[in-house]
Amino acid sequence: MKNEENNSGGYVDSSGGRQRPLVVRVTDNDFQRNVLEKLGRLEAKMDMLMGAGQPGRMTNAENRLVILERNDIKRSVYDRLLNAVITVAISLAITMHERLGIK
């Protein structure tokens, strides 16, 4: 018996001309159920992160980050002003140490 492949993807038996499928499809309901369950969980997590009609965690995190950046800029300005005042005070103390009686 010699088997030859035909164009439809199956094998033709040379003795009877009968076709047997090359690939047997098996429906795996457990696999499909598992994939759909994981997909549902993924969708729920995405809704939680991005928010479904309301601010999600990502939006809240971005808003908090903007507030922290503003506070960091304000704090750096205050730090620079304080450093300038301290530098001027030290410079004055060094310059005036003999007149102020500091030795």
PDB file of N, CA and C in Angstrom:
ATOM      1  N   MET A   1       0.829  -1.184   0.000  1.00  0.00           N
ATOM      2  CA  MET A   1       0.000   0.000   0.000  1.00  0.00           C
ATOM      3  C   MET A   1       0.870   1.243   0.000  1.00  0.00           C
ATOM      4  N   LYS A   2       0.598   2.087  -0.916  1.00  0.00           N
ATOM      5  CA  LYS A   2       1.354   3.324  -1.029  1.00  0.00           C
ATOM      6  C   LYS A   2       0.417   4.494  -0.769  1.00  0.00           C
ATOM      7  N   ASN A   3       0.858   5.405   0.078  1.00  0.00           N
ATOM      8  CA  ASN A   3       0.053   6.586   0.388  1.00  0.00           C
ATOM      9  C   ASN A   3       0.645   7.783  -0.327  1.00  0.00           C
ATOM     10  N   GLU A   4      -0.172   8.584  -0.937  1.00  0.00           N
ATOM     11  CA  GLU A   4       0.266   9.811  -1.594  1.00  0.00           C
ATOM     12  C   GLU A   4      -0.539  10.971  -1.013  1.00  0.00           C
ATOM     13  N   GLU A   5       0.121  12.125  -0.902  1.00  0.00           N
ATOM     14  CA  GLU A   5      -0.556  13.312  -0.364  1.00  0.00           C
ATOM     15  C   GLU A   5      -1.285  14.019  -1.489  1.00  0.00           C
ATOM     16  N   ASN A   6      -2.524  14.443  -1.215  1.00  0.00           N
ATOM     17  CA  ASN A   6      -3.254  15.216  -2.218  1.00  0.00           C
ATOM     18  C   ASN A   6      -3.291  16.683  -1.822  1.00  0.00           C
ATOM     19  N   ASN A   7      -3.928  17.528  -2.597  1.00  0.00           N
ATOM     20  CA  ASN A   7      -3.943  18.969  -2.368  1.00  0.00           C
ATOM     21  C   ASN A   7      -4.808  19.389  -1.194  1.00  0.00           C
ATOM     22  N   SER A   8      -5.710  18.565  -0.747  1.00  0.00           N
ATOM     23  CA  SER A   8      -6.628  18.966   0.312  1.00  0.00           C
ATOM     24  C   SER A   8      -6.054  18.775   1.702  1.00  0.00           C
ATOM     25  N   GLY A   9      -4.811  18.300   1.801  1.00  0.00           N
ATOM     26  CA  GLY A   9      -4.197  18.171   3.110  1.00  0.00           C
ATOM     27  C   GLY A   9      -4.369  16.795   3.702  1.00  0.00           C
ATOM     28  N   GLY A  10      -5.015  15.870   3.026  1.00  0.00           N
ATOM     29  CA  GLY A  10      -5.182  14.519   3.542  1.00  0.00           C
ATOM     30  C   GLY A  10      -4.362  13.551   2.723  1.00  0.00           C
ATOM     31  N   TYR A  11      -4.416  12.317   3.059  1.00  0.00           N
ATOM     32  CA  TYR A  11      -3.716  11.282   2.314  1.00  0.00           C
ATOM     33  C   TYR A  11      -4.713  10.458   1.521  1.00  0.00           C
ATOM     34  N   VAL A  12      -4.316  10.057   0.330  1.00  0.00           N
ATOM     35  CA  VAL A  12      -5.147   9.205  -0.504  1.00  0.00           C
ATOM     36  C   VAL A  12      -4.548   7.809  -0.453  1.00  0.00           C
ATOM     37  N   ASP A  13      -5.353   6.860  -0.077  1.00  0.00           N
ATOM     38  CA  ASP A  13      -4.909   5.470  -0.049  1.00  0.00           C
ATOM     39  C   ASP A  13      -4.976   4.944  -1.476  1.00  0.00           C
ATOM     40  N   SER A  14      -3.836   4.489  -2.000  1.00  0.00           N
ATOM     41  CA  SER A  14      -3.785   4.087  -3.409  1.00  0.00           C
ATOM     42  C   SER A  14      -4.643   2.861  -3.702  1.00  0.00           C
ATOM     43  N   SER A  15      -4.961   2.083  -2.662  1.00  0.00           N
ATOM     44  CA  SER A  15      -5.760   0.887  -2.926  1.00  0.00           C
ATOM     45  C   SER A  15      -7.251   1.184  -3.013  1.00  0.00           C
ATOM     46  N   GLY A  16      -7.760   2.079  -2.224  1.00  0.00           N
ATOM     47  CA  GLY A  16      -9.196   2.303  -2.207  1.00  0.00           C
ATOM     48  C   GLY A  16      -9.612   3.710  -2.565  1.00  0.00           C
ATOM     49  N   GLY A  17      -8.708   4.625  -2.672  1.00  0.00           N
ATOM     50  CA  GLY A  17      -9.059   5.988  -2.982  1.00  0.00           C
ATOM     51  C   GLY A  17      -9.720   6.714  -1.814  1.00  0.00           C
ATOM     52  N   ARG A  18      -9.704   6.136  -0.665  1.00  0.00           N
ATOM     53  CA  ARG A  18     -10.311   6.697   0.541  1.00  0.00           C
ATOM     54  C   ARG A  18      -9.373   7.727   1.169  1.00  0.00           C
ATOM     55  N   GLN A  19      -9.911   8.824   1.664  1.00  0.00           N
ATOM     56  CA  GLN A  19      -9.081   9.855   2.296  1.00  0.00           C
ATOM     57  C   GLN A  19      -9.128   9.721   3.809  1.00  0.00           C
ATOM     58  N   ARG A  20      -7.954   9.835   4.389  1.00  0.00           N
ATOM     59  CA  ARG A  20      -7.860   9.920   5.848  1.00  0.00           C
ATOM     60  C   ARG A  20      -7.304  11.307   6.174  1.00  0.00           C
ATOM     61  N   PRO A  21      -7.850  11.969   7.155  1.00  0.00           N
ATOM     62  CA  PRO A  21      -7.370  13.319   7.453  1.00  0.00           C
ATOM     63  C   PRO A  21      -5.939  13.292   7.981  1.00  0.00           C
ATOM     64  N   LEU A  22      -5.173  14.308   7.572  1.00  0.00           N
ATOM     65  CA  LEU A  22      -3.799  14.432   8.027  1.00  0.00           C
ATOM     66  C   LEU A  22      -3.762  14.856   9.495  1.00  0.00           C
ATOM     67  N   VAL A  23      -4.620  15.776   9.880  1.00  0.00           N
ATOM     68  CA  VAL A  23      -4.682  16.271  11.251  1.00  0.00           C
ATOM     69  C   VAL A  23      -6.068  15.989  11.784  1.00  0.00           C
ATOM     70  N   VAL A  24      -6.100  15.401  12.952  1.00  0.00           N
ATOM     71  CA  VAL A  24      -7.382  15.118  13.590  1.00  0.00           C
ATOM     72  C   VAL A  24      -7.640  16.237  14.589  1.00  0.00           C
ATOM     73  N   ARG A  25      -8.752  16.932  14.432  1.00  0.00           N
ATOM     74  CA  ARG A  25      -9.092  18.014  15.351  1.00  0.00           C
ATOM     75  C   ARG A  25      -9.773  17.445  16.579  1.00  0.00           C
ATOM     76  N   VAL A  26      -9.241  17.827  17.715  1.00  0.00           N
ATOM     77  CA  VAL A  26      -9.812  17.409  18.985  1.00  0.00           C
ATOM     78  C   VAL A  26     -10.229  18.667  19.716  1.00  0.00           C
ATOM     79  N   THR A  27     -11.463  18.749  20.075  1.00  0.00           N
ATOM     80  CA  THR A  27     -11.923  19.917  20.816  1.00  0.00           C
ATOM     81  C   THR A  27     -11.606  19.693  22.282  1.00  0.00           C
ATOM     82  N   ASP A  28     -10.919  20.649  22.815  1.00  0.00           N
ATOM     83  CA  ASP A  28     -10.509  20.564  24.212  1.00  0.00           C
ATOM     84  C   ASP A  28     -11.254  21.645  24.988  1.00  0.00           C
ATOM     85  N   ASN A  29     -12.369  21.262  25.568  1.00  0.00           N
ATOM     86  CA  ASN A  29     -13.201  22.231  26.283  1.00  0.00           C
ATOM     87  C   ASN A  29     -12.502  22.780  27.520  1.00  0.00           C
ATOM     88  N   ASP A  30     -11.689  21.932  28.177  1.00  0.00           N
ATOM     89  CA  ASP A  30     -10.975  22.413  29.364  1.00  0.00           C
ATOM     90  C   ASP A  30      -9.982  23.507  28.979  1.00  0.00           C
ATOM     91  N   PHE A  31      -9.276  23.304  27.881  1.00  0.00           N
ATOM     92  CA  PHE A  31      -8.320  24.316  27.425  1.00  0.00           C
ATOM     93  C   PHE A  31      -9.041  25.612  27.063  1.00  0.00           C
ATOM     94  N   GLN A  32     -10.120  25.513  26.318  1.00  0.00           N
ATOM     95  CA  GLN A  32     -10.874  26.707  25.939  1.00  0.00           C
ATOM     96  C   GLN A  32     -11.414  27.430  27.160  1.00  0.00           C
ATOM     97  N   ARG A  33     -11.924  26.684  28.103  1.00  0.00           N
ATOM     98  CA  ARG A  33     -12.463  27.277  29.334  1.00  0.00           C
ATOM     99  C   ARG A  33     -11.344  27.984  30.099  1.00  0.00           C
ATOM    100  N   ASN A  34     -10.168  27.347  30.156  1.00  0.00           N
ATOM    101  CA  ASN A  34      -9.028  27.922  30.868  1.00  0.00           C
ATOM    102  C   ASN A  34      -8.579  29.225  30.193  1.00  0.00           C
ATOM    103  N   VAL A  35      -8.507  29.229  28.875  1.00  0.00           N
ATOM    104  CA  VAL A  35      -8.093  30.429  28.144  1.00  0.00           C
ATOM    105  C   VAL A  35      -9.112  31.555  28.342  1.00  0.00           C
ATOM    106  N   LEU A  36     -10.380  31.240  28.261  1.00  0.00           N
ATOM    107  CA  LEU A  36     -11.410  32.267  28.454  1.00  0.00           C
ATOM    108  C   LEU A  36     -11.401  32.810  29.878  1.00  0.00           C
ATOM    109  N   GLU A  37     -11.130  31.955  30.845  1.00  0.00           N
ATOM    110  CA  GLU A  37     -11.053  32.400  32.240  1.00  0.00           C
ATOM    111  C   GLU A  37      -9.878  33.344  32.437  1.00  0.00           C
ATOM    112  N   LYS A  38      -8.728  32.986  31.868  1.00  0.00           N
ATOM    113  CA  LYS A  38      -7.558  33.855  31.983  1.00  0.00           C
ATOM    114  C   LYS A  38      -7.777  35.176  31.253  1.00  0.00           C
ATOM    115  N   LEU A  39      -8.436  35.119  30.115  1.00  0.00           N
ATOM    116  CA  LEU A  39      -8.747  36.334  29.368  1.00  0.00           C
ATOM    117  C   LEU A  39      -9.676  37.245  30.170  1.00  0.00           C
ATOM    118  N   GLY A  40     -10.638  36.654  30.851  1.00  0.00           N
ATOM    119  CA  GLY A  40     -11.541  37.433  31.702  1.00  0.00           C
ATOM    120  C   GLY A  40     -10.797  38.102  32.841  1.00  0.00           C
ATOM    121  N   ARG A  41      -9.855  37.352  33.456  1.00  0.00           N
ATOM    122  CA  ARG A  41      -9.058  37.941  34.541  1.00  0.00           C
ATOM    123  C   ARG A  41      -8.181  39.069  34.026  1.00  0.00           C
ATOM    124  N   LEU A  42      -7.606  38.874  32.837  1.00  0.00           N
ATOM    125  CA  LEU A  42      -6.773  39.919  32.245  1.00  0.00           C
ATOM    126  C   LEU A  42      -7.591  41.177  31.966  1.00  0.00           C
ATOM    127  N   GLU A  43      -8.787  40.999  31.454  1.00  0.00           N
ATOM    128  CA  GLU A  43      -9.663  42.138  31.180  1.00  0.00           C
ATOM    129  C   GLU A  43     -10.021  42.876  32.472  1.00  0.00           C
ATOM    130  N   ALA A  44     -10.286  42.120  33.533  1.00  0.00           N
ATOM    131  CA  ALA A  44     -10.614  42.750  34.820  1.00  0.00           C
ATOM    132  C   ALA A  44      -9.428  43.540  35.358  1.00  0.00           C
ATOM    133  N   LYS A  45      -8.221  42.988  35.208  1.00  0.00           N
ATOM    134  CA  LYS A  45      -7.033  43.698  35.689  1.00  0.00           C
ATOM    135  C   LYS A  45      -6.781  44.958  34.873  1.00  0.00           C
ATOM    136  N   MET A  46      -6.997  44.892  33.563  1.00  0.00           N
ATOM    137  CA  MET A  46      -6.818  46.075  32.722  1.00  0.00           C
ATOM    138  C   MET A  46      -7.836  47.158  33.091  1.00  0.00           C
ATOM    139  N   ASP A  47      -9.076  46.750  33.353  1.00  0.00           N
ATOM    140  CA  ASP A  47     -10.094  47.722  33.774  1.00  0.00           C
ATOM    141  C   ASP A  47      -9.700  48.364  35.095  1.00  0.00           C
ATOM    142  N   MET A  48      -9.124  47.561  36.007  1.00  0.00           N
ATOM    143  CA  MET A  48      -8.717  48.083  37.303  1.00  0.00           C
ATOM    144  C   MET A  48      -7.561  49.073  37.135  1.00  0.00           C
ATOM    145  N   LEU A  49      -6.621  48.753  36.230  1.00  0.00           N
ATOM    146  CA  LEU A  49      -5.482  49.639  36.032  1.00  0.00           C
ATOM    147  C   LEU A  49      -5.864  50.917  35.302  1.00  0.00           C
ATOM    148  N   MET A  50      -6.584  50.781  34.218  1.00  0.00           N
ATOM    149  CA  MET A  50      -6.889  51.935  33.384  1.00  0.00           C
ATOM    150  C   MET A  50      -8.187  52.638  33.770  1.00  0.00           C
ATOM    151  N   GLY A  51      -9.065  51.926  34.424  1.00  0.00           N
ATOM    152  CA  GLY A  51     -10.325  52.529  34.843  1.00  0.00           C
ATOM    153  C   GLY A  51     -11.380  52.379  33.764  1.00  0.00           C
ATOM    154  N   ALA A  52     -12.527  51.897  34.156  1.00  0.00           N
ATOM    155  CA  ALA A  52     -13.624  51.725  33.213  1.00  0.00           C
ATOM    156  C   ALA A  52     -14.663  52.806  33.511  1.00  0.00           C
ATOM    157  N   GLY A  53     -14.511  53.957  32.907  1.00  0.00           N
ATOM    158  CA  GLY A  53     -15.451  55.051  33.119  1.00  0.00           C
ATOM    159  C   GLY A  53     -15.132  55.895  34.336  1.00  0.00           C
ATOM    160  N   GLN A  54     -14.136  55.499  35.100  1.00  0.00           N
ATOM    161  CA  GLN A  54     -13.704  56.272  36.256  1.00  0.00           C
ATOM    162  C   GLN A  54     -12.186  56.158  36.356  1.00  0.00           C
ATOM    163  N   PRO A  55     -11.555  57.018  37.142  1.00  0.00           N
ATOM    164  CA  PRO A  55     -10.088  56.975  37.196  1.00  0.00           C
ATOM    165  C   PRO A  55      -9.598  55.623  37.711  1.00  0.00           C
ATOM    166  N   GLY A  56      -8.677  55.052  36.976  1.00  0.00           N
ATOM    167  CA  GLY A  56      -8.065  53.795  37.383  1.00  0.00           C
ATOM    168  C   GLY A  56      -6.794  54.062  38.160  1.00  0.00           C
ATOM    169  N   ARG A  57      -6.092  53.002  38.490  1.00  0.00           N
ATOM    170  CA  ARG A  57      -4.859  53.155  39.258  1.00  0.00           C
ATOM    171  C   ARG A  57      -3.803  53.945  38.504  1.00  0.00           C
ATOM    172  N   MET A  58      -3.716  53.740  37.193  1.00  0.00           N
ATOM    173  CA  MET A  58      -2.710  54.457  36.411  1.00  0.00           C
ATOM    174  C   MET A  58      -2.993  55.955  36.413  1.00  0.00           C
ATOM    175  N   THR A  59      -4.236  56.340  36.267  1.00  0.00           N
ATOM    176  CA  THR A  59      -4.588  57.764  36.284  1.00  0.00           C
ATOM    177  C   THR A  59      -4.275  58.366  37.643  1.00  0.00           C
ATOM    178  N   ASN A  60      -4.615  57.649  38.706  1.00  0.00           N
ATOM    179  CA  ASN A  60      -4.321  58.136  40.054  1.00  0.00           C
ATOM    180  C   ASN A  60      -2.814  58.255  40.272  1.00  0.00           C
ATOM    181  N   ALA A  61      -2.053  57.269  39.787  1.00  0.00           N
ATOM    182  CA  ALA A  61      -0.596  57.313  39.939  1.00  0.00           C
ATOM    183  C   ALA A  61      -0.009  58.485  39.154  1.00  0.00           C
ATOM    184  N   GLU A  62      -0.505  58.728  37.959  1.00  0.00           N
ATOM    185  CA  GLU A  62      -0.017  59.857  37.162  1.00  0.00           C
ATOM    186  C   GLU A  62      -0.323  61.177  37.851  1.00  0.00           C
ATOM    187  N   ASN A  63      -1.513  61.308  38.425  1.00  0.00           N
ATOM    188  CA  ASN A  63      -1.870  62.547  39.137  1.00  0.00           C
ATOM    189  C   ASN A  63      -0.974  62.764  40.341  1.00  0.00           C
ATOM    190  N   ARG A  64      -0.706  61.685  41.086  1.00  0.00           N
ATOM    191  CA  ARG A  64       0.184  61.807  42.248  1.00  0.00           C
ATOM    192  C   ARG A  64       1.593  62.188  41.819  1.00  0.00           C
ATOM    193  N   LEU A  65       2.044  61.649  40.694  1.00  0.00           N
ATOM    194  CA  LEU A  65       3.375  61.964  40.192  1.00  0.00           C
ATOM    195  C   LEU A  65       3.479  63.439  39.814  1.00  0.00           C
ATOM    196  N   VAL A  66       2.446  63.994  39.207  1.00  0.00           N
ATOM    197  CA  VAL A  66       2.441  65.419  38.847  1.00  0.00           C
ATOM    198  C   VAL A  66       2.522  66.276  40.106  1.00  0.00           C
ATOM    199  N   ILE A  67       1.770  65.902  41.127  1.00  0.00           N
ATOM    200  CA  ILE A  67       1.797  66.657  42.391  1.00  0.00           C
ATOM    201  C   ILE A  67       3.179  66.587  43.025  1.00  0.00           C
ATOM    202  N   LEU A  68       3.802  65.401  43.025  1.00  0.00           N
ATOM    203  CA  LEU A  68       5.141  65.255  43.592  1.00  0.00           C
ATOM    204  C   LEU A  68       6.171  66.070  42.819  1.00  0.00           C
ATOM    205  N   GLU A  69       6.041  66.115  41.497  1.00  0.00           N
ATOM    206  CA  GLU A  69       6.970  66.923  40.702  1.00  0.00           C
ATOM    207  C   GLU A  69       6.835  68.400  41.044  1.00  0.00           C
ATOM    208  N   ARG A  70       5.587  68.889  41.199  1.00  0.00           N
ATOM    209  CA  ARG A  70       5.381  70.296  41.583  1.00  0.00           C
ATOM    210  C   ARG A  70       6.009  70.579  42.941  1.00  0.00           C
ATOM    211  N   ASN A  71       5.793  69.670  43.911  1.00  0.00           N
ATOM    212  CA  ASN A  71       6.366  69.866  45.242  1.00  0.00           C
ATOM    213  C   ASN A  71       7.887  69.826  45.195  1.00  0.00           C
ATOM    214  N   ASP A  72       8.445  68.969  44.343  1.00  0.00           N
ATOM    215  CA  ASP A  72       9.900  68.877  44.224  1.00  0.00           C
ATOM    216  C   ASP A  72      10.467  70.169  43.665  1.00  0.00           C
ATOM    217  N   ILE A  73       9.788  70.778  42.685  1.00  0.00           N
ATOM    218  CA  ILE A  73      10.251  72.040  42.115  1.00  0.00           C
ATOM    219  C   ILE A  73      10.196  73.145  43.163  1.00  0.00           C
ATOM    220  N   LYS A  74       9.087  73.211  43.920  1.00  0.00           N
ATOM    221  CA  LYS A  74       8.969  74.220  44.980  1.00  0.00           C
ATOM    222  C   LYS A  74      10.052  74.031  46.026  1.00  0.00           C
ATOM    223  N   ARG A  75      10.278  72.767  46.411  1.00  0.00           N
ATOM    224  CA  ARG A  75      11.275  72.488  47.448  1.00  0.00           C
ATOM    225  C   ARG A  75      12.669  72.860  46.954  1.00  0.00           C
ATOM    226  N   SER A  76      12.967  72.613  45.677  1.00  0.00           N
ATOM    227  CA  SER A  76      14.300  72.947  45.180  1.00  0.00           C
ATOM    228  C   SER A  76      14.498  74.463  45.156  1.00  0.00           C
ATOM    229  N   VAL A  77      13.435  75.218  44.861  1.00  0.00           N
ATOM    230  CA  VAL A  77      13.541  76.684  44.899  1.00  0.00           C
ATOM    231  C   VAL A  77      13.796  77.144  46.328  1.00  0.00           C
ATOM    232  N   TYR A  78      13.063  76.612  47.289  1.00  0.00           N
ATOM    233  CA  TYR A  78      13.268  76.979  48.693  1.00  0.00           C
ATOM    234  C   TYR A  78      14.654  76.569  49.170  1.00  0.00           C
ATOM    235  N   ASP A  79      15.122  75.407  48.739  1.00  0.00           N
ATOM    236  CA  ASP A  79      16.467  74.967  49.121  1.00  0.00           C
ATOM    237  C   ASP A  79      17.530  75.906  48.564  1.00  0.00           C
ATOM    238  N   ARG A  80      17.360  76.345  47.333  1.00  0.00           N
ATOM    239  CA  ARG A  80      18.330  77.265  46.735  1.00  0.00           C
ATOM    240  C   ARG A  80      18.341  78.609  47.452  1.00  0.00           C
ATOM    241  N   LEU A  81      17.137  79.097  47.799  1.00  0.00           N
ATOM    242  CA  LEU A  81      17.080  80.366  48.545  1.00  0.00           C
ATOM    243  C   LEU A  81      17.738  80.238  49.914  1.00  0.00           C
ATOM    244  N   LEU A  82      17.479  79.150  50.602  1.00  0.00           N
ATOM    245  CA  LEU A  82      18.089  78.931  51.917  1.00  0.00           C
ATOM    246  C   LEU A  82      19.606  78.803  51.806  1.00  0.00           C
ATOM    247  N   ASN A  83      20.074  78.076  50.784  1.00  0.00           N
ATOM    248  CA  ASN A  83      21.520  77.961  50.589  1.00  0.00           C
ATOM    249  C   ASN A  83      22.148  79.310  50.293  1.00  0.00           C
ATOM    250  N   ALA A  84      21.455  80.146  49.514  1.00  0.00           N
ATOM    251  CA  ALA A  84      21.977  81.489  49.217  1.00  0.00           C
ATOM    252  C   ALA A  84      22.071  82.328  50.490  1.00  0.00           C
ATOM    253  N   VAL A  85      21.047  82.266  51.340  1.00  0.00           N
ATOM    254  CA  VAL A  85      21.061  83.031  52.595  1.00  0.00           C
ATOM    255  C   VAL A  85      22.199  82.555  53.493  1.00  0.00           C
ATOM    256  N   ILE A  86      22.374  81.253  53.595  1.00  0.00           N
ATOM    257  CA  ILE A  86      23.448  80.708  54.438  1.00  0.00           C
ATOM    258  C   ILE A  86      24.806  81.118  53.879  1.00  0.00           C
ATOM    259  N   THR A  87      24.968  81.077  52.556  1.00  0.00           N
ATOM    260  CA  THR A  87      26.240  81.456  51.933  1.00  0.00           C
ATOM    261  C   THR A  87      26.551  82.925  52.180  1.00  0.00           C
ATOM    262  N   VAL A  88      25.548  83.771  52.038  1.00  0.00           N
ATOM    263  CA  VAL A  88      25.750  85.203  52.294  1.00  0.00           C
ATOM    264  C   VAL A  88      26.100  85.431  53.760  1.00  0.00           C
ATOM    265  N   ALA A  89      25.434  84.740  54.672  1.00  0.00           N
ATOM    266  CA  ALA A  89      25.713  84.907  56.104  1.00  0.00           C
ATOM    267  C   ALA A  89      27.142  84.471  56.427  1.00  0.00           C
ATOM    268  N   ILE A  90      27.584  83.363  55.868  1.00  0.00           N
ATOM    269  CA  ILE A  90      28.953  82.898  56.127  1.00  0.00           C
ATOM    270  C   ILE A  90      29.966  83.862  55.513  1.00  0.00           C
ATOM    271  N   SER A  91      29.685  84.329  54.302  1.00  0.00           N
ATOM    272  CA  SER A  91      30.590  85.286  53.657  1.00  0.00           C
ATOM    273  C   SER A  91      30.697  86.572  54.469  1.00  0.00           C
ATOM    274  N   LEU A  92      29.564  87.064  54.962  1.00  0.00           N
ATOM    275  CA  LEU A  92      29.595  88.268  55.813  1.00  0.00           C
ATOM    276  C   LEU A  92      30.366  88.019  57.105  1.00  0.00           C
ATOM    277  N   ALA A  93      30.179  86.859  57.696  1.00  0.00           N
ATOM    278  CA  ALA A  93      30.894  86.540  58.944  1.00  0.00           C
ATOM    279  C   ALA A  93      32.392  86.476  58.691  1.00  0.00           C
ATOM    280  N   ILE A  94      32.821  85.896  57.577  1.00  0.00           N
ATOM    281  CA  ILE A  94      34.249  85.823  57.272  1.00  0.00           C
ATOM    282  C   ILE A  94      34.807  87.225  57.005  1.00  0.00           C
ATOM    283  N   THR A  95      34.051  88.012  56.246  1.00  0.00           N
ATOM    284  CA  THR A  95      34.511  89.354  55.896  1.00  0.00           C
ATOM    285  C   THR A  95      34.552  90.269  57.121  1.00  0.00           C
ATOM    286  N   MET A  96      33.560  90.170  57.975  1.00  0.00           N
ATOM    287  CA  MET A  96      33.440  91.089  59.100  1.00  0.00           C
ATOM    288  C   MET A  96      33.959  90.504  60.416  1.00  0.00           C
ATOM    289  N   HIS A  97      34.698  89.407  60.392  1.00  0.00           N
ATOM    290  CA  HIS A  97      35.054  88.751  61.650  1.00  0.00           C
ATOM    291  C   HIS A  97      35.941  89.621  62.537  1.00  0.00           C
ATOM    292  N   GLU A  98      36.797  90.469  61.966  1.00  0.00           N
ATOM    293  CA  GLU A  98      37.623  91.320  62.801  1.00  0.00           C
ATOM    294  C   GLU A  98      36.809  92.471  63.380  1.00  0.00           C
ATOM    295  N   ARG A  99      35.874  93.010  62.631  1.00  0.00           N
ATOM    296  CA  ARG A  99      35.087  94.142  63.128  1.00  0.00           C
ATOM    297  C   ARG A  99      34.075  93.676  64.167  1.00  0.00           C
ATOM    298  N   LEU A 100      33.621  92.409  64.054  1.00  0.00           N
ATOM    299  CA  LEU A 100      32.646  91.909  65.014  1.00  0.00           C
ATOM    300  C   LEU A 100      33.308  91.335  66.268  1.00  0.00           C
ATOM    301  N   GLY A 101      34.626  91.231  66.244  1.00  0.00           N
ATOM    302  CA  GLY A 101      35.345  90.722  67.398  1.00  0.00           C
ATOM    303  C   GLY A 101      35.383  89.204  67.438  1.00  0.00           C
ATOM    304  N   ILE A 102      35.144  88.566  66.310  1.00  0.00           N
ATOM    305  CA  ILE A 102      35.211  87.097  66.259  1.00  0.00           C
ATOM    306  C   ILE A 102      36.608  86.720  65.773  1.00  0.00           C
ATOM    307  N   LYS A 103      37.280  85.876  66.569  1.00  0.00           N
ATOM    308  CA  LYS A 103      38.620  85.460  66.182  1.00  0.00           C
ATOM    309  C   LYS A 103      38.666  83.996  65.907  1.00  0.00           C
TER     310      LYS A 103
END
